[in-house]
């Protein structure tokens, strides 16, 4: 009797074997430099990828749940490295910032996160938001209380002086000691990255203090790059990543800036210098002014209240009048050259969208960014995909767990009908989304 009781206790103490899911038949673009695998098999056990192979070479275990991916491209879940969960495409920031802070955590940020995930974005970097709300939403996603990508948050922007009415999510600094104190407060709260903007308005000592304190807490620094002096100061201080392709209407980046970028990227011991150009919002604006139909796509309504949807619709009823884009006609002709300069300088480009800015919806922005890179700017499709999968994971030092469909990593996998390497815009309709081994779409 004691022997049987002991056996029962042993069995009770042994964890049940996780269910195995097999994705079978699709062409796998795994995020590495390996050639695509036709007739692929991806075995998922629990939250992680157990094995990857080909039909006839990798057996599907008996009892596994088989999901056919025939006729589909299978690839890692996408990452969007520049989103703003607290905004959803509204054109009047002053109105939004005054009206909706109480709705950020319970409604708006969860809606943004869900829209990203259902669009195939399984990892995202939220660059700018109220500290407590950002941490809470990240935790709610991690706990499974709400749907969303694995989230990396900066909390409030760090800048010289917050714009009026934005003090909830923009923190000003007054001197190097205050800069260190503000960064320490963010680090102690648990942010994943420090967001630095308008650093050309700060003193050199303040910029250096922000970067040094962040690095002391092992946090990367993401810096704005709208103006050449922002880049110069960020580079000199040791920023890890730059955002955007420039507000200036100058035809290209100054020679000294490009020389400094080349000098930095040649220093292999420092690792890659990352850059998130967020180019699609500017690139597509001239088209959007004349073609409004995509604004009627209801995917961006998901999770928002009817009142918020109606408010957003009113604000974007006349795209040609939106003040946010008033200088875009002057900037548009410079974008291709600046993008080319960045690529040639040796920086590692990351896909990010500034999603949430006027008319840039979380349900649509990421595929649009990839489409512009490939179709308009000549980036090979595989390189663009790696900039939305592998390299973001490297940038956040999470490539041991994310970024490729390879054995041992979290099972963040998407699938799309058709050949994404030939038709990148197919990503606008992601058919299958798996995050941490759980199918969410």
Protein backbone atom coordinates (compact mmCIF):
# COMPACT_ATOMS: atom_id res chain seq x y z
CA UNK A 1 0.00 0.00 0.00
CA UNK A 2 2.82 2.39 0.89
CA UNK A 3 4.49 1.62 -2.44
CA UNK A 4 1.36 2.56 -4.39
CA UNK A 5 0.92 5.71 -2.28
CA UNK A 6 4.52 6.68 -3.02
CA UNK A 7 3.98 6.13 -6.75
CA UNK A 8 0.85 8.27 -6.67
CA UNK A 9 2.72 11.08 -4.92
CA UNK A 10 5.53 10.82 -7.45
CA UNK A 11 3.12 11.06 -10.37
CA UNK A 12 1.34 14.01 -8.77
CA UNK A 13 4.66 15.79 -8.34
CA UNK A 14 5.71 15.21 -11.98
CA UNK A 15 4.69 18.12 -14.22
CA UNK A 16 2.29 17.18 -16.98
CA UNK A 17 3.94 17.16 -20.39
CA UNK A 18 3.09 20.34 -22.29
CA UNK A 19 0.87 19.99 -25.32
CA UNK A 20 2.76 19.98 -28.62
CA UNK A 21 1.56 22.07 -31.55
CA UNK A 22 2.94 21.39 -35.03
CA UNK A 23 2.90 24.03 -37.77
CA UNK A 24 3.18 21.98 -40.93
CA UNK A 25 3.65 22.72 -44.61
CA UNK A 26 4.53 26.41 -44.94
CA UNK A 27 7.67 28.13 -46.17
CA UNK A 28 9.65 29.14 -43.08
CA UNK A 29 11.58 32.42 -43.10
CA UNK A 30 13.14 31.94 -39.70
CA UNK A 31 14.76 35.35 -39.15
CA UNK A 32 18.30 34.04 -39.52
CA UNK A 33 20.37 34.23 -42.71
CA UNK A 34 19.44 30.63 -43.55
CA UNK A 35 17.59 30.05 -46.81
CA UNK A 36 13.80 29.67 -46.46
CA UNK A 37 12.68 26.15 -45.57
CA UNK A 38 9.97 24.79 -47.86
CA UNK A 39 7.43 22.29 -46.45
CA UNK A 40 8.55 23.28 -42.97
CA UNK A 41 7.64 21.77 -39.63
CA UNK A 42 7.77 23.88 -36.47
CA UNK A 43 7.15 21.98 -33.23
CA UNK A 44 6.00 24.06 -30.26
CA UNK A 45 5.97 22.57 -26.78
CA UNK A 46 4.52 24.79 -24.08
CA UNK A 47 5.80 28.33 -24.59
CA UNK A 48 8.88 27.45 -26.61
CA UNK A 49 9.97 26.07 -29.95
CA UNK A 50 11.00 22.45 -29.55
CA UNK A 51 12.31 21.70 -33.04
CA UNK A 52 12.36 23.01 -36.61
CA UNK A 53 12.66 20.91 -39.74
CA UNK A 54 11.02 19.75 -42.93
CA UNK A 55 8.14 17.39 -43.74
CA UNK A 56 9.56 13.88 -44.08
CA UNK A 57 12.60 14.75 -41.97
CA UNK A 58 11.08 15.95 -38.68
CA UNK A 59 8.34 13.72 -37.30
CA UNK A 60 5.22 15.17 -35.72
CA UNK A 61 4.69 13.49 -32.34
CA UNK A 62 1.52 11.44 -31.87
CA UNK A 63 -1.22 13.49 -30.26
CA UNK A 64 0.19 16.83 -31.38
CA UNK A 65 -2.21 19.54 -32.51
CA UNK A 66 -1.46 20.01 -36.20
CA UNK A 67 -1.97 23.42 -37.79
CA UNK A 68 -1.61 23.45 -41.57
CA UNK A 69 0.49 26.32 -42.91
CA UNK A 70 0.48 25.09 -46.50
CA UNK A 71 0.54 27.97 -48.96
CA UNK A 72 1.77 30.32 -46.24
CA UNK A 73 4.95 32.08 -45.21
CA UNK A 74 5.85 31.32 -41.59
CA UNK A 75 8.11 33.79 -39.81
CA UNK A 76 8.97 35.19 -36.38
CA UNK A 77 6.49 37.52 -34.76
CA UNK A 78 7.21 41.09 -35.79
CA UNK A 79 8.58 43.75 -33.47
CA UNK A 80 7.72 47.43 -33.68
CA UNK A 81 10.48 49.41 -32.00
CA UNK A 82 8.73 52.77 -31.77
CA UNK A 83 5.10 52.86 -30.68
CA UNK A 84 3.01 55.10 -28.45
CA UNK A 85 0.30 53.10 -26.72
CA UNK A 86 -1.18 56.20 -25.10
CA UNK A 87 -2.29 57.72 -28.43
CA UNK A 88 -4.35 56.24 -31.26
CA UNK A 89 -4.10 58.40 -34.36
CA UNK A 90 -5.85 61.52 -33.06
CA UNK A 91 -4.70 64.70 -34.80
CA UNK A 92 -5.00 67.14 -31.90
CA UNK A 93 -2.47 66.31 -29.19
CA UNK A 94 -3.47 69.21 -26.95
CA UNK A 95 -7.06 67.98 -26.87
CA UNK A 96 -6.01 64.35 -26.43
CA UNK A 97 -3.56 65.03 -23.60
CA UNK A 98 -6.16 67.07 -21.74
CA UNK A 99 -9.13 64.75 -22.32
CA UNK A 100 -7.95 61.16 -21.99
CA UNK A 101 -5.27 60.56 -19.31
CA UNK A 102 -7.82 58.81 -17.09
CA UNK A 103 -8.55 56.41 -19.98
CA UNK A 104 -4.91 55.60 -20.81
CA UNK A 105 -4.55 52.58 -18.53
CA UNK A 106 -8.04 51.02 -18.56
CA UNK A 107 -8.95 51.54 -22.23
CA UNK A 108 -6.54 53.24 -24.62
CA UNK A 109 -3.23 51.50 -23.94
CA UNK A 110 -4.81 48.01 -23.79
CA UNK A 111 -6.60 48.71 -27.08
CA UNK A 112 -3.33 49.76 -28.71
CA UNK A 113 -1.56 46.67 -27.40
CA UNK A 114 -4.28 44.30 -28.63
CA UNK A 115 -4.30 45.90 -32.07
CA UNK A 116 -0.54 45.47 -32.37
CA UNK A 117 -0.68 41.80 -31.39
CA UNK A 118 -3.50 40.99 -33.80
CA UNK A 119 -1.47 42.67 -36.56
CA UNK A 120 1.33 40.17 -35.94
CA UNK A 121 3.45 42.35 -33.65
CA UNK A 122 4.56 40.14 -30.78
CA UNK A 123 7.21 42.53 -29.42
CA UNK A 124 7.07 46.32 -29.08
CA UNK A 125 8.98 49.22 -27.56
CA UNK A 126 6.67 51.88 -26.11
CA UNK A 127 8.64 55.13 -26.17
CA UNK A 128 6.84 57.70 -24.09
CA UNK A 129 4.00 57.39 -21.61
CA UNK A 130 3.03 58.01 -17.99
CA UNK A 131 5.32 55.97 -15.76
CA UNK A 132 2.81 54.11 -13.61
CA UNK A 133 0.47 53.40 -16.52
CA UNK A 134 3.32 52.07 -18.68
CA UNK A 135 4.54 49.72 -15.97
CA UNK A 136 1.01 48.54 -15.17
CA UNK A 137 0.11 47.77 -18.77
CA UNK A 138 3.39 45.94 -19.33
CA UNK A 139 2.65 43.81 -16.25
CA UNK A 140 -0.95 43.15 -17.29
CA UNK A 141 0.29 41.82 -20.64
CA UNK A 142 2.98 39.68 -19.00
CA UNK A 143 0.41 38.28 -16.55
CA UNK A 144 -2.03 37.44 -19.34
CA UNK A 145 -4.68 39.83 -18.04
CA UNK A 146 -4.79 41.68 -21.37
CA UNK A 147 -3.61 40.85 -24.88
CA UNK A 148 -0.54 42.53 -26.29
CA UNK A 149 3.03 42.11 -27.46
CA UNK A 150 5.92 41.54 -25.10
CA UNK A 151 6.37 45.14 -24.06
CA UNK A 152 9.45 47.23 -23.37
CA UNK A 153 8.68 50.65 -21.92
CA UNK A 154 10.52 53.91 -21.41
CA UNK A 155 7.99 55.74 -19.28
CA UNK A 156 8.24 59.53 -19.64
CA UNK A 157 10.49 61.26 -22.14
CA UNK A 158 13.57 62.96 -20.69
CA UNK A 159 14.07 66.45 -22.11
CA UNK A 160 15.15 69.93 -21.08
CA UNK A 161 11.64 71.22 -20.43
CA UNK A 162 8.28 69.49 -20.98
CA UNK A 163 5.85 71.06 -23.39
CA UNK A 164 2.90 72.74 -21.61
CA UNK A 165 0.31 70.19 -20.51
CA UNK A 166 2.55 67.16 -21.02
CA UNK A 167 4.20 66.92 -17.61
CA UNK A 168 2.53 63.55 -16.95
CA UNK A 169 4.71 61.84 -19.57
CA UNK A 170 7.54 64.32 -20.21
CA UNK A 171 10.10 65.07 -17.52
CA UNK A 172 12.36 68.09 -17.67
CA UNK A 173 15.87 68.22 -16.23
CA UNK A 174 17.67 71.11 -14.56
CA UNK A 175 21.35 70.30 -14.33
CA UNK A 176 23.35 67.09 -14.39
CA UNK A 177 22.38 66.05 -10.86
CA UNK A 178 18.68 66.38 -11.67
CA UNK A 179 19.20 64.45 -14.90
CA UNK A 180 20.77 61.58 -12.98
CA UNK A 181 17.99 61.68 -10.38
CA UNK A 182 15.26 61.51 -13.02
CA UNK A 183 16.89 58.58 -14.79
CA UNK A 184 17.42 56.78 -11.47
CA UNK A 185 13.76 57.23 -10.63
CA UNK A 186 12.80 55.62 -13.95
CA UNK A 187 15.30 52.81 -13.47
CA UNK A 188 14.09 52.12 -9.93
CA UNK A 189 10.53 51.91 -11.25
CA UNK A 190 11.62 49.20 -13.68
CA UNK A 191 11.62 50.76 -17.15
CA UNK A 192 13.42 48.92 -19.95
CA UNK A 193 14.89 51.88 -21.84
CA UNK A 194 15.47 55.62 -21.42
CA UNK A 195 13.97 57.96 -24.05
CA UNK A 196 15.96 61.17 -24.60
CA UNK A 197 14.62 63.97 -26.80
CA UNK A 198 15.55 67.55 -27.67
CA UNK A 199 19.02 66.88 -26.32
CA UNK A 200 20.34 69.80 -28.36
CA UNK A 201 18.44 72.05 -25.92
CA UNK A 202 20.17 70.44 -22.94
CA UNK A 203 23.67 71.15 -21.73
CA UNK A 204 26.36 68.69 -22.69
CA UNK A 205 26.70 67.80 -19.00
CA UNK A 206 22.99 67.01 -18.76
CA UNK A 207 23.06 64.75 -21.82
CA UNK A 208 26.15 62.95 -20.55
CA UNK A 209 24.52 62.49 -17.15
CA UNK A 210 21.39 60.94 -18.66
CA UNK A 211 23.37 58.42 -20.70
CA UNK A 212 25.87 57.61 -17.93
CA UNK A 213 23.15 57.03 -15.32
CA UNK A 214 21.13 54.89 -17.72
CA UNK A 215 24.15 52.77 -18.56
CA UNK A 216 24.97 52.42 -14.87
CA UNK A 217 21.56 50.75 -14.54
CA UNK A 218 22.21 48.68 -17.70
CA UNK A 219 19.48 50.52 -19.60
CA UNK A 220 19.90 51.48 -23.27
CA UNK A 221 19.32 55.10 -24.30
CA UNK A 222 17.12 55.89 -27.28
CA UNK A 223 17.65 59.45 -28.57
CA UNK A 224 15.79 61.69 -31.00
CA UNK A 225 17.61 62.54 -34.23
CA UNK A 226 15.42 65.18 -35.81
CA UNK A 227 18.18 67.77 -35.88
CA UNK A 228 21.90 67.34 -36.57
CA UNK A 229 22.93 68.69 -33.17
CA UNK A 230 20.72 66.11 -31.45
CA UNK A 231 22.70 63.42 -33.26
CA UNK A 232 26.06 64.99 -32.47
CA UNK A 233 25.34 65.26 -28.75
CA UNK A 234 23.74 61.85 -28.54
CA UNK A 235 26.68 60.20 -30.26
CA UNK A 236 29.24 62.00 -28.12
CA UNK A 237 27.44 60.90 -24.95
CA UNK A 238 27.10 57.27 -26.10
CA UNK A 239 23.41 56.87 -26.98
CA UNK A 240 22.59 53.36 -28.14
CA UNK A 241 19.86 54.03 -30.69
CA UNK A 242 18.48 56.99 -32.62
CA UNK A 243 14.91 57.58 -33.74
CA UNK A 244 13.41 59.16 -36.89
CA UNK A 245 14.77 60.40 -40.20
CA UNK A 246 14.93 64.09 -39.45
CA UNK A 247 12.54 67.03 -39.27
CA UNK A 248 14.86 69.21 -41.27
CA UNK A 249 14.18 69.98 -44.93
CA UNK A 250 17.93 69.88 -45.61
CA UNK A 251 18.61 67.57 -48.57
CA UNK A 252 20.87 65.24 -46.58
CA UNK A 253 22.66 64.76 -43.27
CA UNK A 254 25.74 66.98 -42.81
CA UNK A 255 29.08 65.42 -43.70
CA UNK A 256 30.39 65.61 -40.13
CA UNK A 257 27.35 63.69 -38.83
CA UNK A 258 27.80 60.90 -41.35
CA UNK A 259 31.52 60.78 -40.61
CA UNK A 260 30.74 60.48 -36.90
CA UNK A 261 28.27 57.67 -37.57
CA UNK A 262 30.84 55.79 -39.64
CA UNK A 263 33.45 56.26 -36.95
CA UNK A 264 31.07 54.89 -34.32
CA UNK A 265 29.88 51.93 -36.37
CA UNK A 266 33.48 50.98 -37.13
CA UNK A 267 34.13 50.47 -33.41
CA UNK A 268 33.15 46.82 -33.28
CA UNK A 269 33.93 46.49 -29.59
CA UNK A 270 31.00 48.81 -28.79
CA UNK A 271 28.51 46.65 -30.63
CA UNK A 272 25.97 47.85 -33.18
CA UNK A 273 24.62 51.39 -33.29
CA UNK A 274 20.89 51.11 -33.90
CA UNK A 275 18.60 53.49 -35.79
CA UNK A 276 14.80 53.43 -36.07
CA UNK A 277 13.90 55.69 -39.02
CA UNK A 278 10.08 55.68 -38.59
CA UNK A 279 9.80 56.80 -42.19
CA UNK A 280 6.39 55.55 -43.31
CA UNK A 281 4.27 58.25 -41.71
CA UNK A 282 6.06 60.95 -43.68
CA UNK A 283 6.58 58.92 -46.85
CA UNK A 284 2.91 58.03 -47.30
CA UNK A 285 1.43 61.36 -46.25
CA UNK A 286 1.22 62.84 -49.79
CA UNK A 287 -0.76 59.77 -50.82
CA UNK A 288 -2.97 59.89 -47.73
CA UNK A 289 -4.00 63.48 -48.46
CA UNK A 290 -5.67 62.30 -51.67
CA UNK A 291 -6.72 58.77 -50.68
CA UNK A 292 -8.60 58.53 -47.40
CA UNK A 293 -10.21 55.12 -47.76
CA UNK A 294 -7.88 53.32 -45.35
CA UNK A 295 -9.08 55.59 -42.55
CA UNK A 296 -12.39 53.73 -42.75
CA UNK A 297 -10.69 50.43 -41.89
CA UNK A 298 -12.34 49.47 -38.61
CA UNK A 299 -9.35 47.49 -37.34
CA UNK A 300 -8.21 50.57 -35.39
CA UNK A 301 -11.53 50.72 -33.53
CA UNK A 302 -10.84 47.48 -31.65
CA UNK A 303 -10.91 48.00 -27.89
CA UNK A 304 -11.82 51.68 -28.04
CA UNK A 305 -15.13 53.12 -26.94
CA UNK A 306 -17.53 54.51 -29.58
CA UNK A 307 -16.98 57.98 -28.14
CA UNK A 308 -13.20 57.78 -28.56
CA UNK A 309 -13.56 56.40 -32.09
CA UNK A 310 -15.88 59.25 -33.03
CA UNK A 311 -13.48 61.81 -31.56
CA UNK A 312 -10.55 60.39 -33.54
CA UNK A 313 -12.63 60.37 -36.73
CA UNK A 314 -13.53 64.02 -36.31
CA UNK A 315 -9.90 65.00 -35.79
CA UNK A 316 -8.71 63.35 -39.03
CA UNK A 317 -11.64 64.24 -41.27
CA UNK A 318 -9.41 66.59 -43.27
CA UNK A 319 -5.89 65.12 -43.51
CA UNK A 320 -4.67 68.05 -45.57
CA UNK A 321 -5.33 70.39 -42.63
CA UNK A 322 -3.52 68.46 -39.90
CA UNK A 323 -0.88 70.75 -38.40
CA UNK A 324 1.37 67.83 -37.45
CA UNK A 325 2.19 67.28 -41.12
CA UNK A 326 2.39 70.89 -42.31
CA UNK A 327 6.13 70.66 -43.10
CA UNK A 328 5.99 67.22 -44.66
CA UNK A 329 5.86 68.47 -48.29
CA UNK A 330 9.26 70.10 -47.72
CA UNK A 331 10.71 67.08 -45.93
CA UNK A 332 9.39 64.36 -48.22
CA UNK A 333 11.98 64.88 -51.03
CA UNK A 334 14.83 64.38 -48.54
CA UNK A 335 13.69 61.09 -47.05
CA UNK A 336 15.12 58.63 -49.58
CA UNK A 337 18.57 60.21 -49.55
CA UNK A 338 18.72 60.34 -45.74
CA UNK A 339 17.56 56.74 -45.45
CA UNK A 340 20.28 55.73 -47.91
CA UNK A 341 22.91 57.70 -45.97
CA UNK A 342 21.97 55.89 -42.79
CA UNK A 343 22.19 52.47 -44.41
CA UNK A 344 25.55 53.30 -45.94
CA UNK A 345 26.91 54.60 -42.62
CA UNK A 346 26.76 51.13 -41.08
CA UNK A 347 24.01 51.67 -38.51
CA UNK A 348 21.69 48.71 -37.90
CA UNK A 349 18.21 49.73 -38.95
CA UNK A 350 15.20 48.75 -36.85
CA UNK A 351 11.57 48.74 -37.91
CA UNK A 352 9.54 51.20 -35.88
CA UNK A 353 6.58 53.33 -36.83
CA UNK A 354 5.80 56.10 -34.34
CA UNK A 355 2.45 54.32 -34.29
CA UNK A 356 -0.21 56.39 -32.58
CA UNK A 357 0.68 59.71 -34.23
CA UNK A 358 -2.05 61.27 -36.40
CA UNK A 359 -3.60 58.69 -38.77
CA UNK A 360 -0.96 56.07 -37.87
CA UNK A 361 -2.90 53.22 -36.31
CA UNK A 362 -1.43 50.35 -34.32
CA UNK A 363 -3.36 47.84 -36.42
CA UNK A 364 -1.76 49.02 -39.67
CA UNK A 365 1.51 50.92 -39.16
CA UNK A 366 4.04 48.10 -38.95
CA UNK A 367 3.29 46.45 -42.28
CA UNK A 368 3.21 49.88 -43.92
CA UNK A 369 6.72 50.62 -42.65
CA UNK A 370 8.01 47.33 -44.04
CA UNK A 371 6.25 47.98 -47.33
CA UNK A 372 7.93 51.38 -47.78
CA UNK A 373 11.36 49.94 -46.95
CA UNK A 374 11.04 47.14 -49.50
CA UNK A 375 8.87 48.54 -52.28
CA UNK A 376 9.97 52.17 -52.24
CA UNK A 377 13.46 52.24 -50.70
CA UNK A 378 15.00 49.09 -52.13
CA UNK A 379 15.68 47.13 -48.94
CA UNK A 380 15.72 43.37 -49.63
CA UNK A 381 12.67 41.76 -48.07
CA UNK A 382 14.73 39.40 -45.91
CA UNK A 383 16.76 42.31 -44.53
CA UNK A 384 13.59 44.24 -43.73
CA UNK A 385 12.10 41.23 -41.96
CA UNK A 386 15.26 40.79 -39.88
CA UNK A 387 15.01 44.48 -38.95
CA UNK A 388 11.57 43.68 -37.55
CA UNK A 389 12.48 40.39 -35.85
CA UNK A 390 16.10 39.45 -35.19
CA UNK A 391 17.73 42.86 -34.78
CA UNK A 392 15.13 44.29 -32.38
CA UNK A 393 15.71 41.33 -30.09
CA UNK A 394 19.45 41.98 -30.27
CA UNK A 395 18.92 45.68 -29.56
CA UNK A 396 16.98 44.85 -26.39
CA UNK A 397 19.47 42.10 -25.45
CA UNK A 398 16.73 39.47 -25.60
CA UNK A 399 17.94 37.53 -28.62
CA UNK A 400 18.47 34.41 -26.50
CA UNK A 401 14.68 34.17 -26.25
CA UNK A 402 13.26 36.09 -29.20
CA UNK A 403 13.79 37.19 -32.77
CA UNK A 404 14.05 33.93 -34.75
CA UNK A 405 12.09 30.72 -35.20
CA UNK A 406 14.76 28.44 -33.81
CA UNK A 407 14.92 25.71 -31.19
CA UNK A 408 14.64 26.84 -27.58
CA UNK A 409 13.27 30.32 -28.18
CA UNK A 410 9.82 31.53 -27.23
CA UNK A 411 7.26 30.45 -29.79
CA UNK A 412 6.38 33.86 -31.19
CA UNK A 413 5.36 32.91 -34.72
CA UNK A 414 3.13 34.40 -37.40
CA UNK A 415 1.98 33.07 -40.76
CA UNK A 416 0.63 34.82 -43.85
CA UNK A 417 -0.93 33.36 -46.98
CA UNK A 418 1.37 33.80 -49.95
CA UNK A 419 5.05 34.60 -50.45
CA UNK A 420 6.02 37.49 -48.18
CA UNK A 421 9.52 37.67 -49.64
CA UNK A 422 7.99 38.52 -53.02
CA UNK A 423 4.97 40.51 -51.82
CA UNK A 424 5.80 42.17 -48.49
CA UNK A 425 2.42 43.93 -48.37
CA UNK A 426 0.79 40.56 -47.63
CA UNK A 427 1.71 41.34 -44.02
CA UNK A 428 -1.31 43.63 -43.87
CA UNK A 429 -3.39 40.48 -43.35
CA UNK A 430 -1.67 38.20 -40.86
CA UNK A 431 -3.59 34.92 -40.70
CA UNK A 432 -1.93 33.23 -37.74
CA UNK A 433 -0.44 34.76 -34.60
CA UNK A 434 1.16 32.68 -31.85
CA UNK A 435 2.71 34.34 -28.82
CA UNK A 436 4.63 32.33 -26.24
CA UNK A 437 3.12 29.17 -27.68
CA UNK A 438 -0.51 30.33 -27.44
CA UNK A 439 -2.50 30.98 -30.57
CA UNK A 440 -4.16 34.40 -30.32
CA UNK A 441 -5.33 34.66 -33.94
